[in-house]
Protein backbone atom coordinates (compact mmCIF):
# COMPACT_ATOMS: atom_id res chain seq x y z
CA UNK A 1 98.30 82.91 42.52
CA UNK A 2 95.13 84.58 41.11
CA UNK A 3 93.63 87.71 42.28
CA UNK A 4 90.43 87.91 39.94
CA UNK A 5 87.39 89.67 40.59
CA UNK A 6 84.13 89.93 38.50
CA UNK A 7 85.55 92.20 35.98
CA UNK A 8 83.95 95.04 33.45
CA UNK A 9 83.53 98.57 34.03
CA UNK A 10 81.67 99.63 37.07
CA UNK A 11 78.43 101.62 35.70
CA UNK A 12 77.29 104.82 37.92
CA UNK A 13 74.67 103.82 40.45
CA UNK A 14 72.42 106.10 42.36
CA UNK A 15 71.43 105.46 45.81
CA UNK A 16 68.44 103.42 46.66
CA UNK A 17 67.99 104.94 50.49
CA UNK A 18 67.20 108.08 51.65
CA UNK A 19 69.39 111.40 52.22
CA UNK A 20 71.32 110.78 55.04
CA UNK A 21 70.42 107.43 55.61
CA UNK A 22 73.98 106.36 56.96
CA UNK A 23 75.04 109.73 59.23
CA UNK A 24 74.57 107.81 62.43
CA UNK A 25 77.49 105.73 61.43
CA UNK A 26 79.49 106.93 58.80
CA UNK A 27 83.10 107.30 58.97
CA UNK A 28 85.39 110.21 58.43
CA UNK A 29 88.06 109.72 55.89
CA UNK A 30 91.42 110.71 55.72
CA UNK A 31 92.31 113.93 53.71
CA UNK A 32 94.50 112.85 50.62
CA UNK A 33 97.24 115.45 50.39
CA UNK A 34 98.75 114.52 47.12
CA UNK A 35 97.31 115.67 43.82
CA UNK A 36 98.29 112.27 41.79
CA UNK A 37 95.34 110.35 41.10
CA UNK A 38 97.35 107.16 41.89
CA UNK A 39 98.93 108.17 44.89
CA UNK A 40 97.03 108.74 48.43
CA UNK A 41 99.15 110.66 51.08
CA UNK A 42 97.69 111.23 54.81
CA UNK A 43 99.02 112.69 57.83
CA UNK A 44 98.11 110.28 60.77
CA UNK A 45 98.59 111.45 64.51
CA UNK A 46 98.27 109.25 67.43
CA UNK A 47 97.36 111.40 70.34
CA UNK A 48 95.03 111.46 73.52
CA UNK A 49 91.60 113.39 72.81
CA UNK A 50 88.26 113.06 74.46
CA UNK A 51 85.82 110.91 72.11
CA UNK A 52 82.03 110.71 72.81
CA UNK A 53 80.86 107.14 72.37
CA UNK A 54 77.10 107.67 73.28
CA UNK A 55 75.46 111.00 74.33
CA UNK A 56 76.75 112.32 77.59
CA UNK A 57 79.22 109.80 77.55
CA UNK A 58 82.80 110.71 76.80
CA UNK A 59 86.40 109.38 77.65
CA UNK A 60 89.90 110.28 77.20
CA UNK A 61 90.64 107.82 74.43
CA UNK A 62 94.09 107.22 72.85
CA UNK A 63 93.20 108.09 68.85
CA UNK A 64 94.32 108.37 65.64
CA UNK A 65 93.67 111.87 64.55
CA UNK A 66 91.47 112.42 67.42
CA UNK A 67 88.72 110.03 66.59
CA UNK A 68 87.78 106.38 67.58
CA UNK A 69 88.24 104.79 64.93
CA UNK A 70 90.53 106.57 63.20
CA UNK A 71 89.77 107.69 59.73
CA UNK A 72 88.98 105.70 57.00
CA UNK A 73 91.90 105.14 54.47
CA UNK A 74 90.32 104.70 50.80
CA UNK A 75 92.51 103.72 47.79
CA UNK A 76 92.24 101.62 44.87
CA UNK A 77 94.14 98.60 43.81
CA UNK A 78 97.53 99.62 42.79
CA UNK A 79 97.68 102.74 44.32
CA UNK A 80 100.80 103.66 46.63
CA UNK A 81 99.94 104.95 50.06
CA UNK A 82 101.99 107.50 52.10
CA UNK A 83 101.42 107.92 55.77
CA UNK A 84 103.14 110.73 57.67
CA UNK A 85 102.77 109.13 61.01
CA UNK A 86 103.57 111.49 64.33
CA UNK A 87 103.36 109.95 67.89
CA UNK A 88 102.03 112.25 70.10
CA UNK A 89 101.00 109.71 73.00
CA UNK A 90 102.67 109.31 76.28
CA UNK A 91 104.23 105.94 75.17
CA UNK A 92 106.13 104.44 71.96
CA UNK A 93 103.85 103.13 69.02
CA UNK A 94 103.64 101.79 65.48
CA UNK A 95 101.47 101.38 63.08
CA UNK A 96 100.61 97.84 61.76
CA UNK A 97 98.57 97.40 58.34
CA UNK A 98 96.72 94.44 59.07
CA UNK A 99 96.22 91.80 56.04
CA UNK A 100 98.32 94.34 53.64
CA UNK A 101 100.86 92.33 51.63
CA UNK A 102 103.67 95.04 52.09
CA UNK A 103 107.60 94.86 52.26
CA UNK A 104 108.71 93.82 55.65
CA UNK A 105 110.11 97.42 56.42
CA UNK A 106 106.36 98.58 56.43
CA UNK A 107 105.00 95.83 58.54
CA UNK A 108 105.23 98.14 61.83
CA UNK A 109 106.58 95.28 64.18
CA UNK A 110 109.00 96.92 66.53
CA UNK A 111 112.66 95.54 66.85
CA UNK A 112 111.77 93.61 63.42
CA UNK A 113 110.64 95.76 60.73
CA UNK A 114 111.17 99.08 62.38
CA UNK A 115 112.28 100.88 65.44
CA UNK A 116 109.82 102.06 68.02
CA UNK A 117 108.40 105.23 67.30
CA UNK A 118 108.91 107.21 70.58
CA UNK A 119 106.73 110.23 71.73
CA UNK A 120 107.53 113.16 70.02
CA UNK A 121 108.99 111.20 66.78
CA UNK A 122 107.36 110.39 63.44
CA UNK A 123 107.80 107.66 60.83
CA UNK A 124 106.83 107.52 57.17
CA UNK A 125 104.83 104.38 55.76
CA UNK A 126 105.27 104.26 52.10
CA UNK A 127 103.96 101.12 49.91
CA UNK A 128 101.62 100.09 47.21
CA UNK A 129 98.69 98.24 48.02
CA UNK A 130 98.10 95.38 45.42
CA UNK A 131 94.71 93.59 46.64
CA UNK A 132 91.23 94.72 46.97
CA UNK A 133 89.45 94.26 50.22
CA UNK A 134 88.74 95.72 53.86
CA UNK A 135 92.15 95.88 55.98
CA UNK A 136 92.82 97.45 59.03
CA UNK A 137 95.87 99.62 60.77
CA UNK A 138 96.45 99.36 64.61
CA UNK A 139 99.79 99.49 66.91
CA UNK A 140 102.01 96.57 67.64
CA UNK A 141 103.84 98.02 71.07
CA UNK A 142 101.71 97.25 74.12
CA UNK A 143 99.16 96.10 71.58
CA UNK A 144 96.57 94.99 73.87
CA UNK A 145 96.33 98.25 75.89
CA UNK A 146 96.88 100.63 72.78
CA UNK A 147 94.06 98.95 70.93
CA UNK A 148 91.76 98.66 74.03
CA UNK A 149 92.23 102.25 74.41
CA UNK A 150 91.03 103.24 71.10
CA UNK A 151 94.06 102.97 68.43
CA UNK A 152 92.67 101.47 65.35
CA UNK A 153 91.17 102.43 62.18
CA UNK A 154 90.05 100.62 58.53
CA UNK A 155 91.61 100.82 55.02
CA UNK A 156 89.29 99.96 52.23
CA UNK A 157 91.01 99.06 48.76
CA UNK A 158 88.57 99.06 45.89
CA UNK A 159 88.98 97.52 42.71
CA UNK A 160 87.45 99.38 39.82
CA UNK A 161 86.90 96.67 37.90
CA UNK A 162 85.20 94.99 40.45
CA UNK A 163 81.26 95.34 40.21
CA UNK A 164 78.87 94.00 43.02
CA UNK A 165 75.73 95.75 42.15
CA UNK A 166 74.99 97.25 45.54
CA UNK A 167 75.38 101.07 45.33
CA UNK A 168 75.27 101.90 49.12
CA UNK A 169 78.08 100.70 51.21
CA UNK A 170 78.86 101.23 55.09
CA UNK A 171 82.18 100.33 56.53
CA UNK A 172 81.52 98.83 59.82
CA UNK A 173 84.16 98.78 62.54
CA UNK A 174 83.39 96.62 65.49
CA UNK A 175 84.96 96.86 68.72
CA UNK A 176 84.61 97.44 72.65
CA UNK A 177 86.36 99.40 75.28
CA UNK A 178 86.42 99.17 79.06
CA UNK A 179 85.31 102.40 80.97
CA UNK A 180 84.79 102.62 84.87
CA UNK A 181 82.26 104.33 86.48
CA UNK A 182 84.34 107.16 86.86
CA UNK A 183 84.53 107.56 83.15
CA UNK A 184 88.43 106.54 82.97
CA UNK A 185 89.66 103.79 80.96
CA UNK A 186 90.16 100.81 82.82
CA UNK A 187 93.85 99.53 83.50
CA UNK A 188 94.95 97.05 80.63
CA UNK A 189 96.24 95.04 83.63
CA UNK A 190 92.86 94.65 85.38
CA UNK A 191 92.41 91.00 86.54
CA UNK A 192 95.70 90.00 86.39
CA UNK A 193 96.98 86.70 84.99
CA UNK A 194 93.40 85.20 84.76
CA UNK A 195 92.36 87.92 82.47
CA UNK A 196 95.49 87.21 80.22
CA UNK A 197 94.30 83.63 79.84
CA UNK A 198 90.82 84.41 79.38
CA UNK A 199 90.96 87.61 77.14
CA UNK A 200 89.77 90.87 78.51
CA UNK A 201 86.71 92.27 76.85
CA UNK A 202 85.33 95.59 77.06
CA UNK A 203 82.28 96.91 78.99
CA UNK A 204 81.03 99.03 76.10
CA UNK A 205 80.60 97.27 72.65
CA UNK A 206 81.12 99.73 69.67
CA UNK A 207 80.36 100.39 66.14
CA UNK A 208 82.44 102.97 64.52
CA UNK A 209 83.02 104.32 68.08
CA UNK A 210 79.72 104.81 69.32
CA UNK A 211 77.10 102.93 71.23
CA UNK A 212 73.43 102.38 69.97
CA UNK A 213 73.46 104.28 66.52
CA UNK A 214 70.62 104.45 64.33
CA UNK A 215 70.16 103.66 60.18
CA UNK A 216 67.34 105.10 58.29
CA UNK A 217 67.00 103.10 55.16
CA UNK A 218 64.26 102.06 52.42
CA UNK A 219 62.76 98.67 52.96
CA UNK A 220 64.15 95.97 50.44
CA UNK A 221 66.98 98.12 49.14
CA UNK A 222 70.32 96.06 49.52
CA UNK A 223 73.30 97.71 51.73
CA UNK A 224 76.96 96.35 51.27
CA UNK A 225 78.57 96.18 54.70
CA UNK A 226 82.24 95.75 54.88
CA UNK A 227 82.93 94.84 58.49
CA UNK A 228 85.94 94.49 60.61
CA UNK A 229 86.35 93.28 64.03
CA UNK A 230 88.96 95.06 66.04
CA UNK A 231 88.24 94.14 69.39
CA UNK A 232 91.13 92.86 71.35
CA UNK A 233 89.44 89.66 72.44
CA UNK A 234 85.52 89.58 72.05
CA UNK A 235 84.05 87.73 68.96
CA UNK A 236 80.97 88.96 67.46
CA UNK A 237 78.17 86.28 66.62
CA UNK A 238 75.84 88.85 64.33
CA UNK A 239 71.91 88.49 64.41
CA UNK A 240 69.75 90.82 62.40
CA UNK A 241 66.72 89.02 63.56
CA UNK A 242 65.70 86.65 60.29
CA UNK A 243 67.39 88.85 57.79
CA UNK A 244 70.19 86.91 56.13
CA UNK A 245 73.62 87.81 55.62
CA UNK A 246 74.87 87.22 52.02
CA UNK A 247 78.47 86.86 52.39
CA UNK A 248 80.54 87.72 49.13
CA UNK A 249 83.90 87.85 50.84
CA UNK A 250 86.24 88.52 53.67
CA UNK A 251 90.17 88.83 54.60
CA UNK A 252 91.37 88.96 51.34
CA UNK A 253 88.59 90.28 49.17
CA UNK A 254 85.64 88.60 47.21
CA UNK A 255 85.01 84.64 48.07
CA UNK A 256 84.60 82.20 45.14
CA UNK A 257 80.94 82.71 45.43
CA UNK A 258 78.26 84.03 47.63
CA UNK A 259 76.69 82.09 50.58
CA UNK A 260 73.71 83.19 52.64
CA UNK A 261 73.97 82.89 56.53
CA UNK A 262 71.08 83.82 59.40
CA UNK A 263 73.81 84.44 61.72
CA UNK A 264 77.89 84.50 61.31
CA UNK A 265 80.75 85.16 63.39
CA UNK A 266 83.59 87.50 63.31
CA UNK A 267 86.72 86.49 65.29
CA UNK A 268 88.95 89.35 66.09
CA UNK A 269 91.20 90.54 63.22
CA UNK A 270 88.79 88.90 60.64
CA UNK A 271 86.81 90.65 57.85
CA UNK A 272 83.53 90.19 56.11
CA UNK A 273 82.01 91.49 53.00
CA UNK A 274 78.19 91.21 53.47
CA UNK A 275 74.72 92.00 51.60
CA UNK A 276 71.82 92.99 53.73
CA UNK A 277 68.53 93.66 52.62
CA UNK A 278 66.16 94.68 55.59
CA UNK A 279 62.41 94.32 54.75
CA UNK A 280 59.80 95.87 56.98
CA UNK A 281 56.64 98.54 57.14
CA UNK A 282 57.53 102.32 57.31
CA UNK A 283 58.36 103.20 60.86
CA UNK A 284 59.16 99.54 61.71
CA UNK A 285 62.51 98.84 63.48
CA UNK A 286 64.93 95.93 63.75
CA UNK A 287 68.16 95.55 65.63
CA UNK A 288 71.75 94.01 64.56
CA UNK A 289 72.85 92.21 67.75
CA UNK A 290 75.91 90.06 68.87
CA UNK A 291 74.95 86.92 70.45
CA UNK A 292 77.06 85.52 72.91
CA UNK A 293 79.46 83.02 71.20
CA UNK A 294 81.40 79.93 73.27
CA UNK A 295 85.04 80.39 72.66
CA UNK A 296 86.04 78.59 75.66
CA UNK A 297 85.62 78.03 79.56
CA UNK A 298 83.90 80.94 81.19
CA UNK A 299 82.83 83.00 77.91
CA UNK A 300 78.94 82.57 78.16
CA UNK A 301 78.09 81.52 81.74
CA UNK A 302 76.17 84.11 83.65
CA UNK A 303 76.32 86.82 81.20
CA UNK A 304 73.34 88.58 78.90
CA UNK A 305 72.60 86.56 75.69
CA UNK A 306 73.37 89.55 73.47
CA UNK A 307 74.59 92.91 72.85
CA UNK A 308 72.70 95.37 70.91
CA UNK A 309 74.72 96.82 68.43
CA UNK A 310 72.79 99.56 66.19
CA UNK A 311 69.20 100.10 65.12
CA UNK A 312 67.56 99.86 61.51
CA UNK A 313 64.54 102.00 61.03
CA UNK A 314 62.57 102.00 58.00
CA UNK A 315 61.89 105.38 56.28
CA UNK A 316 58.36 106.37 55.03
CA UNK A 317 59.17 105.06 51.42
CA UNK A 318 57.71 102.68 49.25
CA UNK A 319 59.78 99.72 49.16
CA UNK A 320 62.37 98.85 46.57
CA UNK A 321 60.81 96.47 43.98
CA UNK A 322 64.05 95.13 42.83
CA UNK A 323 64.11 92.08 45.00
CA UNK A 324 66.88 90.16 43.22
CA UNK A 325 69.86 88.88 45.51
CA UNK A 326 73.04 90.46 44.26
CA UNK A 327 75.66 87.81 43.26
CA UNK A 328 79.50 87.64 42.77
CA UNK A 329 81.85 85.27 41.26
CA UNK A 330 85.76 85.11 42.02
CA UNK A 331 88.33 82.42 40.25
CA UNK A 332 90.87 81.60 42.80
CA UNK A 333 93.57 78.90 41.90
CA UNK A 334 94.33 76.36 44.64
CA UNK A 335 97.53 76.18 46.24
CA UNK A 336 99.05 72.83 45.54
CA UNK A 337 99.37 70.59 48.22
CA UNK A 338 101.86 68.10 46.63
CA UNK A 339 105.67 69.19 47.83
CA UNK A 340 104.35 71.67 50.26
CA UNK A 341 106.66 71.78 53.34
CA UNK A 342 104.84 70.68 56.40
CA UNK A 343 104.64 72.69 59.54
CA UNK A 344 103.04 71.53 62.87
CA UNK A 345 102.54 73.73 65.52
CA UNK A 346 100.80 73.33 69.02
CA UNK A 347 99.17 75.94 71.07
CA UNK A 348 99.14 75.08 74.79
CA UNK A 349 98.63 76.83 78.25
CA UNK A 350 101.06 75.78 80.88
CA UNK A 351 101.90 76.86 84.35
CA UNK A 352 105.20 78.78 84.14
CA UNK A 353 107.56 79.96 86.43
CA UNK A 354 104.95 82.72 88.07
CA UNK A 355 101.86 82.56 85.94
CA UNK A 356 100.23 80.60 83.64
CA UNK A 357 101.47 81.01 80.10
CA UNK A 358 100.67 80.44 76.39
CA UNK A 359 102.81 78.39 74.30
CA UNK A 360 103.84 77.75 70.78
CA UNK A 361 105.18 74.20 70.37
CA UNK A 362 106.66 74.26 73.97
CA UNK A 363 108.10 78.02 73.56
CA UNK A 364 106.89 81.47 74.08
CA UNK A 365 107.83 84.14 71.79
CA UNK A 366 111.75 83.53 71.22
CA UNK A 367 113.55 84.26 67.88
CA UNK A 368 115.51 80.84 68.20
CA UNK A 369 112.17 79.11 67.59
CA UNK A 370 111.12 80.43 64.30
CA UNK A 371 109.67 78.48 61.46
CA UNK A 372 111.82 79.11 58.55
CA UNK A 373 110.73 79.18 54.77
CA UNK A 374 112.60 79.72 51.65
CA UNK A 375 111.51 82.18 49.13
CA UNK A 376 108.61 81.08 46.98
CA UNK A 377 107.97 77.75 49.19
CA UNK A 378 104.93 76.50 49.76
CA UNK A 379 103.95 75.11 53.36
CA UNK A 380 100.95 73.14 54.70
CA UNK A 381 100.50 74.45 58.57
CA UNK A 382 98.76 72.13 60.72
CA UNK A 383 97.97 74.35 63.98
CA UNK A 384 96.37 72.00 66.90
CA UNK A 385 94.75 74.09 69.83
CA UNK A 386 95.22 72.14 72.89
CA UNK A 387 94.49 74.88 75.24
CA UNK A 388 90.88 75.82 76.60
CA UNK A 389 90.06 78.91 74.74
CA UNK A 390 89.76 79.43 71.01
CA UNK A 391 92.65 81.48 69.11
CA UNK A 392 92.08 83.52 66.07
CA UNK A 393 95.57 82.86 64.34
CA UNK A 394 97.02 86.00 62.03
CA UNK A 395 99.97 85.81 59.89
CA UNK A 396 101.69 89.00 58.96
CA UNK A 397 102.03 89.73 55.28
CA UNK A 398 100.66 86.49 53.68
CA UNK A 399 97.57 85.60 52.58
CA UNK A 400 96.71 81.44 53.01
CA UNK A 401 94.04 79.33 52.04
CA UNK A 402 92.14 77.09 54.95
CA UNK A 403 91.74 73.61 54.11
CA UNK A 404 89.34 70.84 55.13
CA UNK A 405 90.04 67.58 56.95
CA UNK A 406 90.72 66.01 53.60
CA UNK A 407 93.35 68.51 52.56
CA UNK A 408 91.14 70.41 50.17
CA UNK A 409 90.39 74.11 50.15
CA UNK A 410 87.20 75.07 52.39
CA UNK A 411 84.45 75.98 50.18
CA UNK A 412 83.79 78.69 49.11
CA UNK A 413 87.49 79.28 48.37
CA UNK A 414 89.00 82.46 50.21
CA UNK A 415 92.20 84.26 50.79
CA UNK A 416 92.63 84.53 54.67
CA UNK A 417 94.69 85.89 56.87
CA UNK A 418 93.17 85.35 60.11
CA UNK A 419 91.39 81.96 60.94
CA UNK A 420 89.87 80.88 64.37
CA UNK A 421 91.43 77.93 65.89
CA UNK A 422 88.88 76.53 67.92
CA UNK A 423 89.61 75.07 71.63
CA UNK A 424 90.54 71.52 71.35
CA UNK A 425 90.82 71.26 67.70
CA UNK A 426 93.14 71.47 64.75
CA UNK A 427 93.06 73.61 61.44
CA UNK A 428 95.31 73.32 58.54
CA UNK A 429 96.04 75.82 55.77
CA UNK A 430 98.43 76.34 53.01
CA UNK A 431 100.58 79.56 52.28
CA UNK A 432 103.17 80.42 49.68
CA UNK A 433 105.81 82.85 50.75
CA UNK A 434 106.91 84.88 47.79
CA UNK A 435 109.93 87.09 47.11
CA UNK A 436 109.38 89.36 50.15
CA UNK A 437 111.60 88.24 52.49
CA UNK A 438 112.45 88.93 56.18
CA UNK A 439 110.81 88.25 59.59
CA UNK A 440 107.02 88.05 59.83
CA UNK A 441 105.10 87.88 62.86
CA UNK A 442 102.12 85.17 63.34
CA UNK A 443 100.00 85.37 66.56
CA UNK A 444 96.92 84.73 68.09
CA UNK A 445 94.67 88.04 67.48
CA UNK A 446 93.05 87.85 71.42
CA UNK A 447 95.86 90.24 71.80
CA UNK A 448 95.95 89.42 75.83
CA UNK A 449 96.77 85.72 74.68
CA UNK A 450 99.61 86.93 72.11
CA UNK A 451 101.09 89.14 74.86
CA UNK A 452 101.08 86.27 77.06
CA UNK A 453 102.97 83.86 74.84
CA UNK A 454 101.16 83.41 71.45
CA UNK A 455 103.55 85.08 69.03
CA UNK A 456 105.86 83.41 66.96
CA UNK A 457 107.98 84.27 63.82
CA UNK A 458 108.41 82.83 60.16
CA UNK A 459 111.76 83.93 58.68
CA UNK A 460 111.29 83.92 54.95
CA UNK A 461 114.64 83.85 53.05
CA UNK A 462 116.82 84.21 56.08
CA UNK A 463 119.21 81.34 56.77
CA UNK A 464 119.69 80.54 60.67
CA UNK A 465 121.47 77.44 61.45
CA UNK A 466 120.12 77.47 64.95
CA UNK A 467 116.64 77.78 64.14
CA UNK A 468 114.47 74.78 63.98
CA UNK A 469 112.12 74.19 61.28
CA UNK A 470 108.77 72.89 63.12
């Protein structure tokens, strides 16, 4: 497969924004302790710590290095990442590197790729990052609870040969958190089996761990936003009051060509790479909002129609005179459909022995129903959602190409690792499994849904006579 971007040396670029324009939203970055320019070595500690999500509103959260989100880890394509992870939480945990094509031993799934990291124990993650793009990290032990408590962070892999032409960039981590009136985190089991079916959304909507922050920008000066939705259930339907979003990429880096959107939706686990260019008079303000998105029964009824995410204020500066819309192109080779092995999966919600439960082709998360794949095999997956709620499907360790109803790649072509399967609809995608064998998880990234049954495995290069190929 081809991983090509816009090539050519990246010229030094000068910011078009006022000094400190991003102070309200800039993420702290992990400290690289290794002098080798091609190795990034960081210390990552999971611990309970107080965090301020708004002025005067603090909560005891589960954090990486004391913050929510955890520190931004920044690398370049081909760099080696070494993470010395220490667990100081009261529960076992792991770190999963969402979207990164890494060896199975580094995937962070307990009992599959590594043991749980118990309280007081440590684990070293060590792998090379092969692809440019925005990725993220989070636990895979009690994922709904631990992500909901604050355990997530962003990982940005840059390509020095990729030239977008926008000097000012922000990484935006969209999330939510449920905090009671007493200032204490709500129980991850609140609402019982009904909430498991629906998927719990937090009462506080956060961007980079805070509510209602502000950017101070120059009118007409473009910004590159690298956005990730890490919420455990919430979809973000972004609206900037008529300012278009020029999407240039997503999960797997740059897409085939840029597309403009008035609004766009990010399901849990998805990423977007967009250019925004606010224009208004000095002193004017606009608000980035998330408008309610219908992901199934009960998801918009009786609710306030939007959430304010942050404010953009225009600085007292002359507007930027260069109004050209940045453009990008990437060559992506379509994976061949001819000869691909057909894999059919069906998501359902049924009444279990005690509570309703989700199932994949009739089974909950069980090892004896794994999908099997040979090393180097190309598969065409057809996933049909027969339940009443949408499910963002995530495949560990591999990218895929989403196909339309005619079996050709959706335009603009893009590499994905997470795609929404709307309720009562079918989505098809094609994936090639390379030489990285092992048991790779796939699951709904509404984490309550995953833990209620929407988890499965694809065994790559593993022969099990008892396994059935769906």
